[in-house]
Amino acid sequence: MTLIFWTKNGQEMEFDLVENVEIDEKIITFDYYGEGEKRGVVFILNNLAGMAVEDENSESESKDGASWFKVYRG
C-alpha cells in the first residue's frame, strides 16, 4: 500500500510499502520501508489537508490502472 498526504501548507509526502496503519480521532500511525529500513510515522490529523491511499483492493482505478481511494480532510 502507498499513502500520500498533503499538509495544509501545501507539502506533499508519499510513503511506500506501508503496513500497520492505525487511525483514531486525532492521529494516524503506520510503518513504512524507506532507504532499506522500517520506519514508524505519526501524523496529527488536524495538520493534514488530505490523503490518498493506493491499494490493489480499491474499487476505483485511475487511467494508468492503479487503484486509488481518496480521503479528504480539512
Protein backbone atom coordinates (compact mmCIF):
# COMPACT_ATOMS: atom_id res chain seq x y z
CA MET A 1 0.00 0.00 0.00
CA THR A 2 1.12 3.57 -0.69
CA LEU A 3 -0.06 6.59 1.30
CA ILE A 4 0.13 10.18 0.06
CA PHE A 5 -0.50 13.11 2.39
CA TRP A 6 -0.99 16.82 1.71
CA THR A 7 -0.33 19.26 4.53
CA LYS A 8 -2.25 22.48 4.99
CA ASN A 9 0.85 24.44 3.90
CA GLY A 10 0.91 22.61 0.53
CA GLN A 11 3.59 19.99 1.15
CA GLU A 12 3.08 16.52 -0.39
CA MET A 13 4.54 13.39 1.23
CA GLU A 14 4.50 9.86 -0.22
CA PHE A 15 5.13 6.66 1.75
CA ASP A 16 5.55 3.27 0.03
CA LEU A 17 5.30 -0.26 1.39
CA VAL A 18 3.03 0.89 4.22
CA GLU A 19 1.76 -1.52 6.86
CA ASN A 20 0.31 -1.49 10.39
CA VAL A 21 -1.94 1.52 9.75
CA GLU A 22 -3.94 2.71 12.76
CA ILE A 23 -6.25 5.73 12.77
CA ASP A 24 -8.11 7.23 15.69
CA GLU A 25 -9.87 10.55 16.22
CA LYS A 26 -6.67 12.61 16.39
CA ILE A 27 -3.75 10.71 14.84
CA ILE A 28 -2.72 8.25 12.13
CA THR A 29 0.25 5.94 12.71
CA PHE A 30 1.90 3.47 10.34
CA ASP A 31 5.15 1.75 9.41
CA TYR A 32 6.84 2.01 6.02
CA TYR A 33 10.09 0.92 4.43
CA GLY A 34 12.38 3.77 3.41
CA GLU A 35 16.02 3.56 2.39
CA GLY A 36 16.21 -0.12 3.30
CA GLU A 37 14.86 0.09 6.83
CA LYS A 38 11.49 0.02 8.54
CA ARG A 39 10.38 3.37 9.97
CA GLY A 40 7.39 4.47 12.02
CA VAL A 41 5.33 7.61 11.40
CA VAL A 42 2.76 9.54 13.44
CA PHE A 43 0.69 12.39 11.98
CA ILE A 44 -1.81 14.62 13.76
CA LEU A 45 -4.89 14.54 11.53
CA ASN A 46 -5.71 18.23 12.06
CA ASN A 47 -2.40 19.13 10.36
CA LEU A 48 -3.36 17.30 7.15
CA ALA A 49 -5.33 18.81 4.28
CA GLY A 50 -5.94 15.42 2.67
CA MET A 51 -4.66 11.98 1.86
CA ALA A 52 -4.86 9.26 -0.78
CA VAL A 53 -4.40 5.52 -0.43
CA GLU A 54 -3.22 3.29 -3.27
CA ASP A 55 -4.40 -0.25 -2.72
CA GLU A 56 -4.94 -3.15 -5.11
CA ASN A 57 -8.26 -3.84 -3.35
CA SER A 58 -9.67 -0.37 -4.10
CA GLU A 59 -12.82 -0.13 -6.21
CA SER A 60 -11.86 2.93 -8.30
CA GLU A 61 -9.00 2.86 -10.79
CA SER A 62 -7.02 5.67 -12.38
CA LYS A 63 -6.18 5.91 -16.09
CA ASP A 64 -2.91 4.00 -15.59
CA GLY A 65 -4.64 1.10 -13.85
CA ALA A 66 -3.55 1.96 -10.31
CA SER A 67 -6.29 1.67 -7.72
CA TRP A 68 -6.79 4.76 -5.57
CA PHE A 69 -9.10 5.54 -2.72
CA LYS A 70 -9.02 9.22 -1.76
CA VAL A 71 -9.91 10.63 1.62
CA TYR A 72 -10.00 14.38 2.13
CA ARG A 73 -9.97 16.10 5.47
CA GLY A 74 -9.99 19.61 6.11
